Amino acid sequence: MSTSRSVFISYGDKTSMSIALHLRDLILSLPFRRIDPWVAEPDIQSGQRWGMELARQLDQAQLGVLCMTVHNKRNPWMAFEAGALAKHLDAARVIPYLIDLPIEDLEDPFKQFQAVVADEQGTQRLIMQLHQLDEGTNTPERSMRETLARAWPEYH
């Protein structure tokens, strides 16, 4: 039996934190079997050493999603997290999730990764990548797309 696949969701400001939490909730609402989204707030528990937990999550993640805005596109902490994720992931599955940031405004080091826009189509691309990562799933791709289409109005 496969273990869960950790998805590290990064944010760098209030807007991107809100989107990160919504994305986490959306992923949890979908019929994944082994996808475990992680967002520092609220997933770091009171009393935990946040730096140690963050390092553990970065090390265990199979995919990283960077919730990016025009205000955090130069955030050094997000660049650190992107680098930590890319360093240990064979396929470098780091996805910039662009909230209000046009793709052409994406800068290094983030522009080396294939980005998606945080709209319905881009979110569907992201969810379908998670579907592929979800080993042992018995949910057909079509069913996942239909479930996401129904969930999108509430998420957005």
C-alpha atoms as a PDB file:
ATOM      1  CA  MET A   1       0.000   0.000   0.000  1.00  0.00           C
ATOM      2  CA  SER A   2       1.312   3.460  -0.909  1.00  0.00           C
ATOM      3  CA  THR A   3       1.801   6.145   1.674  1.00  0.00           C
ATOM      4  CA  SER A   4       0.239   9.580   1.415  1.00  0.00           C
ATOM      5  CA  ARG A   5       1.736  12.109  -0.977  1.00  0.00           C
ATOM      6  CA  SER A   6       2.531  15.386   0.707  1.00  0.00           C
ATOM      7  CA  VAL A   7       1.722  18.612  -1.145  1.00  0.00           C
ATOM      8  CA  PHE A   8       3.500  21.633   0.329  1.00  0.00           C
ATOM      9  CA  ILE A   9       1.495  24.844  -0.246  1.00  0.00           C
ATOM     10  CA  SER A  10       3.541  28.003   0.209  1.00  0.00           C
ATOM     11  CA  TYR A  11       2.374  31.595   0.646  1.00  0.00           C
ATOM     12  CA  GLY A  12       4.092  34.917   1.220  1.00  0.00           C
ATOM     13  CA  ASP A  13       1.449  37.494   2.141  1.00  0.00           C
ATOM     14  CA  LYS A  14      -2.131  37.717   3.453  1.00  0.00           C
ATOM     15  CA  THR A  15      -3.731  37.370   0.027  1.00  0.00           C
ATOM     16  CA  SER A  16      -1.698  34.303  -0.900  1.00  0.00           C
ATOM     17  CA  MET A  17      -2.266  32.803   2.556  1.00  0.00           C
ATOM     18  CA  SER A  18      -6.012  33.066   2.041  1.00  0.00           C
ATOM     19  CA  ILE A  19      -5.724  31.387  -1.360  1.00  0.00           C
ATOM     20  CA  ALA A  20      -3.398  28.704   0.062  1.00  0.00           C
ATOM     21  CA  LEU A  21      -5.987  27.847   2.714  1.00  0.00           C
ATOM     22  CA  HIS A  22      -8.786  27.761   0.128  1.00  0.00           C
ATOM     23  CA  LEU A  23      -6.671  25.529  -2.114  1.00  0.00           C
ATOM     24  CA  ARG A  24      -5.962  23.223   0.830  1.00  0.00           C
ATOM     25  CA  ASP A  25      -9.692  23.004   1.562  1.00  0.00           C
ATOM     26  CA  LEU A  26     -10.471  22.357  -2.099  1.00  0.00           C
ATOM     27  CA  ILE A  27      -7.930  19.522  -2.274  1.00  0.00           C
ATOM     28  CA  LEU A  28      -9.329  18.018   0.926  1.00  0.00           C
ATOM     29  CA  SER A  29     -12.866  18.167  -0.524  1.00  0.00           C
ATOM     30  CA  LEU A  30     -11.919  16.191  -3.635  1.00  0.00           C
ATOM     31  CA  PRO A  31     -11.894  12.370  -3.792  1.00  0.00           C
ATOM     32  CA  PHE A  32      -8.145  11.902  -3.444  1.00  0.00           C
ATOM     33  CA  ARG A  33      -6.987   8.796  -1.631  1.00  0.00           C
ATOM     34  CA  ARG A  34      -3.415   9.678  -0.732  1.00  0.00           C
ATOM     35  CA  ILE A  35      -2.955  13.418  -1.260  1.00  0.00           C
ATOM     36  CA  ASP A  36      -2.142  15.321   1.921  1.00  0.00           C
ATOM     37  CA  PRO A  37      -1.999  19.126   1.472  1.00  0.00           C
ATOM     38  CA  TRP A  38       0.061  21.033   4.012  1.00  0.00           C
ATOM     39  CA  VAL A  39      -0.006  24.771   4.772  1.00  0.00           C
ATOM     40  CA  ALA A  40       2.152  26.166   7.588  1.00  0.00           C
ATOM     41  CA  GLU A  41      -0.798  27.986   9.127  1.00  0.00           C
ATOM     42  CA  PRO A  42      -2.819  26.030  10.426  1.00  0.00           C
ATOM     43  CA  ASP A  43      -0.823  22.789  10.068  1.00  0.00           C
ATOM     44  CA  ILE A  44       1.993  23.744  12.440  1.00  0.00           C
ATOM     45  CA  GLN A  45       0.550  22.997  15.860  1.00  0.00           C
ATOM     46  CA  SER A  46       0.902  25.232  18.898  1.00  0.00           C
ATOM     47  CA  GLY A  47       4.094  24.427  20.731  1.00  0.00           C
ATOM     48  CA  GLN A  48       5.813  22.849  17.733  1.00  0.00           C
ATOM     49  CA  ARG A  49       9.189  24.136  16.656  1.00  0.00           C
ATOM     50  CA  TRP A  50       8.026  25.731  13.433  1.00  0.00           C
ATOM     51  CA  GLY A  51      11.445  25.681  11.756  1.00  0.00           C
ATOM     52  CA  MET A  52      11.895  21.957  12.334  1.00  0.00           C
ATOM     53  CA  GLU A  53       8.371  21.152  11.152  1.00  0.00           C
ATOM     54  CA  LEU A  54       8.752  23.342   8.070  1.00  0.00           C
ATOM     55  CA  ALA A  55      12.048  21.624   7.181  1.00  0.00           C
ATOM     56  CA  ARG A  56      10.439  18.197   7.653  1.00  0.00           C
ATOM     57  CA  GLN A  57       7.515  19.104   5.395  1.00  0.00           C
ATOM     58  CA  LEU A  58       9.809  20.549   2.716  1.00  0.00           C
ATOM     59  CA  ASP A  59      11.837  17.351   2.803  1.00  0.00           C
ATOM     60  CA  GLN A  60       8.800  15.037   2.592  1.00  0.00           C
ATOM     61  CA  ALA A  61       6.818  16.897  -0.078  1.00  0.00           C
ATOM     62  CA  GLN A  62       6.272  15.267  -3.453  1.00  0.00           C
ATOM     63  CA  LEU A  63       4.925  18.498  -4.927  1.00  0.00           C
ATOM     64  CA  GLY A  64       5.109  22.178  -4.001  1.00  0.00           C
ATOM     65  CA  VAL A  65       2.583  24.860  -4.875  1.00  0.00           C
ATOM     66  CA  LEU A  66       3.728  28.481  -4.536  1.00  0.00           C
ATOM     67  CA  CYS A  67       0.756  30.840  -4.158  1.00  0.00           C
ATOM     68  CA  MET A  68       2.149  33.967  -5.790  1.00  0.00           C
ATOM     69  CA  THR A  69       0.919  37.549  -5.994  1.00  0.00           C
ATOM     70  CA  VAL A  70       2.370  40.785  -7.321  1.00  0.00           C
ATOM     71  CA  HIS A  71       3.290  41.606  -3.714  1.00  0.00           C
ATOM     72  CA  ASN A  72       5.221  38.427  -2.908  1.00  0.00           C
ATOM     73  CA  LYS A  73       6.886  37.665  -6.250  1.00  0.00           C
ATOM     74  CA  ARG A  74      10.265  38.691  -4.795  1.00  0.00           C
ATOM     75  CA  ASN A  75       9.745  37.155  -1.365  1.00  0.00           C
ATOM     76  CA  PRO A  76      13.071  35.577  -0.310  1.00  0.00           C
ATOM     77  CA  TRP A  77      11.364  33.019   1.929  1.00  0.00           C
ATOM     78  CA  MET A  78       9.272  31.724  -0.993  1.00  0.00           C
ATOM     79  CA  ALA A  79      12.437  31.525  -3.091  1.00  0.00           C
ATOM     80  CA  PHE A  80      14.037  29.496  -0.289  1.00  0.00           C
ATOM     81  CA  GLU A  81      11.063  27.130  -0.163  1.00  0.00           C
ATOM     82  CA  ALA A  82      11.063  26.755  -3.980  1.00  0.00           C
ATOM     83  CA  GLY A  83      14.761  25.906  -3.883  1.00  0.00           C
ATOM     84  CA  ALA A  84      14.346  23.435  -1.024  1.00  0.00           C
ATOM     85  CA  LEU A  85      11.522  21.693  -2.870  1.00  0.00           C
ATOM     86  CA  ALA A  86      13.324  21.616  -6.227  1.00  0.00           C
ATOM     87  CA  LYS A  87      16.545  20.367  -4.681  1.00  0.00           C
ATOM     88  CA  HIS A  88      15.124  17.065  -3.533  1.00  0.00           C
ATOM     89  CA  LEU A  89      12.330  16.404  -6.014  1.00  0.00           C
ATOM     90  CA  ASP A  90      13.469  14.320  -8.972  1.00  0.00           C
ATOM     91  CA  ALA A  91      10.877  15.828 -11.274  1.00  0.00           C
ATOM     92  CA  ALA A  92      11.181  19.273  -9.632  1.00  0.00           C
ATOM     93  CA  ARG A  93       7.450  19.434  -9.140  1.00  0.00           C
ATOM     94  CA  VAL A  94       7.230  23.026  -8.065  1.00  0.00           C
ATOM     95  CA  ILE A  95       4.216  24.881  -9.403  1.00  0.00           C
ATOM     96  CA  PRO A  96       3.883  28.655  -9.146  1.00  0.00           C
ATOM     97  CA  TYR A  97       0.137  29.277  -8.691  1.00  0.00           C
ATOM     98  CA  LEU A  98      -0.369  32.817  -9.986  1.00  0.00           C
ATOM     99  CA  ILE A  99      -3.122  34.695  -8.177  1.00  0.00           C
ATOM    100  CA  ASP A 100      -2.886  38.221  -9.586  1.00  0.00           C
ATOM    101  CA  LEU A 101       0.484  37.910 -11.262  1.00  0.00           C
ATOM    102  CA  PRO A 102       0.733  37.633 -15.063  1.00  0.00           C
ATOM    103  CA  ILE A 103       2.984  34.798 -16.228  1.00  0.00           C
ATOM    104  CA  GLU A 104       5.205  37.272 -18.073  1.00  0.00           C
ATOM    105  CA  ASP A 105       5.936  39.045 -14.760  1.00  0.00           C
ATOM    106  CA  LEU A 106       7.244  35.879 -13.102  1.00  0.00           C
ATOM    107  CA  GLU A 107      10.931  36.270 -12.220  1.00  0.00           C
ATOM    108  CA  ASP A 108      13.823  33.960 -11.379  1.00  0.00           C
ATOM    109  CA  PRO A 109      14.011  31.618  -9.642  1.00  0.00           C
ATOM    110  CA  PHE A 110      10.276  31.017 -10.063  1.00  0.00           C
ATOM    111  CA  LYS A 111      10.081  31.333 -13.843  1.00  0.00           C
ATOM    112  CA  GLN A 112      12.109  28.157 -14.306  1.00  0.00           C
ATOM    113  CA  PHE A 113       9.007  26.206 -13.217  1.00  0.00           C
ATOM    114  CA  GLN A 114       5.876  25.718 -15.305  1.00  0.00           C
ATOM    115  CA  ALA A 115       3.292  28.020 -13.706  1.00  0.00           C
ATOM    116  CA  VAL A 116      -0.499  27.888 -13.682  1.00  0.00           C
ATOM    117  CA  VAL A 117      -2.905  30.769 -13.280  1.00  0.00           C
ATOM    118  CA  ALA A 118      -5.218  30.568 -10.257  1.00  0.00           C
ATOM    119  CA  ASP A 119      -8.348  30.516 -12.405  1.00  0.00           C
ATOM    120  CA  GLU A 120     -10.645  27.575 -13.121  1.00  0.00           C
ATOM    121  CA  GLN A 121      -8.553  26.234 -15.997  1.00  0.00           C
ATOM    122  CA  GLY A 122      -5.218  26.603 -14.176  1.00  0.00           C
ATOM    123  CA  THR A 123      -6.634  25.087 -11.009  1.00  0.00           C
ATOM    124  CA  GLN A 124      -7.938  22.170 -13.034  1.00  0.00           C
ATOM    125  CA  ARG A 125      -4.417  21.615 -14.444  1.00  0.00           C
ATOM    126  CA  LEU A 126      -3.021  21.646 -10.910  1.00  0.00           C
ATOM    127  CA  ILE A 127      -5.682  19.243  -9.627  1.00  0.00           C
ATOM    128  CA  MET A 128      -5.086  16.862 -12.534  1.00  0.00           C
ATOM    129  CA  GLN A 129      -1.365  16.777 -11.650  1.00  0.00           C
ATOM    130  CA  LEU A 130      -2.363  15.840  -8.111  1.00  0.00           C
ATOM    131  CA  HIS A 131      -4.667  13.175  -9.562  1.00  0.00           C
ATOM    132  CA  GLN A 132      -1.667  11.657 -11.380  1.00  0.00           C
ATOM    133  CA  LEU A 133       0.340  11.763  -8.158  1.00  0.00           C
ATOM    134  CA  ASP A 134      -2.462  10.032  -6.239  1.00  0.00           C
ATOM    135  CA  GLU A 135      -1.246   6.443  -6.612  1.00  0.00           C
ATOM    136  CA  GLY A 136      -3.876   3.787  -6.212  1.00  0.00           C
ATOM    137  CA  THR A 137      -6.766   6.124  -6.904  1.00  0.00           C
ATOM    138  CA  ASN A 138      -9.847   4.540  -8.390  1.00  0.00           C
ATOM    139  CA  THR A 139     -11.390   7.893  -9.302  1.00  0.00           C
ATOM    140  CA  PRO A 140     -11.467   8.312 -13.080  1.00  0.00           C
ATOM    141  CA  GLU A 141      -9.992  11.542 -14.440  1.00  0.00           C
ATOM    142  CA  ARG A 142     -13.373  12.549 -15.878  1.00  0.00           C
ATOM    143  CA  SER A 143     -15.026  12.139 -12.484  1.00  0.00           C
ATOM    144  CA  MET A 144     -12.311  14.260 -10.855  1.00  0.00           C
ATOM    145  CA  ARG A 145     -12.845  17.010 -13.448  1.00  0.00           C
ATOM    146  CA  GLU A 146     -16.618  16.928 -12.891  1.00  0.00           C
ATOM    147  CA  THR A 147     -16.212  17.073  -9.104  1.00  0.00           C
ATOM    148  CA  LEU A 148     -13.855  20.028  -9.434  1.00  0.00           C
ATOM    149  CA  ALA A 149     -16.275  21.826 -11.806  1.00  0.00           C
ATOM    150  CA  ARG A 150     -19.021  21.465  -9.184  1.00  0.00           C
ATOM    151  CA  ALA A 151     -16.730  22.625  -6.357  1.00  0.00           C
ATOM    152  CA  TRP A 152     -15.195  25.585  -8.262  1.00  0.00           C
ATOM    153  CA  PRO A 153     -18.002  28.161  -7.683  1.00  0.00           C
ATOM    154  CA  GLU A 154     -17.738  27.719  -3.920  1.00  0.00           C
ATOM    155  CA  TYR A 155     -13.942  27.739  -4.004  1.00  0.00           C
ATOM    156  CA  HIS A 156     -13.661  30.778  -6.230  1.00  0.00           C
END
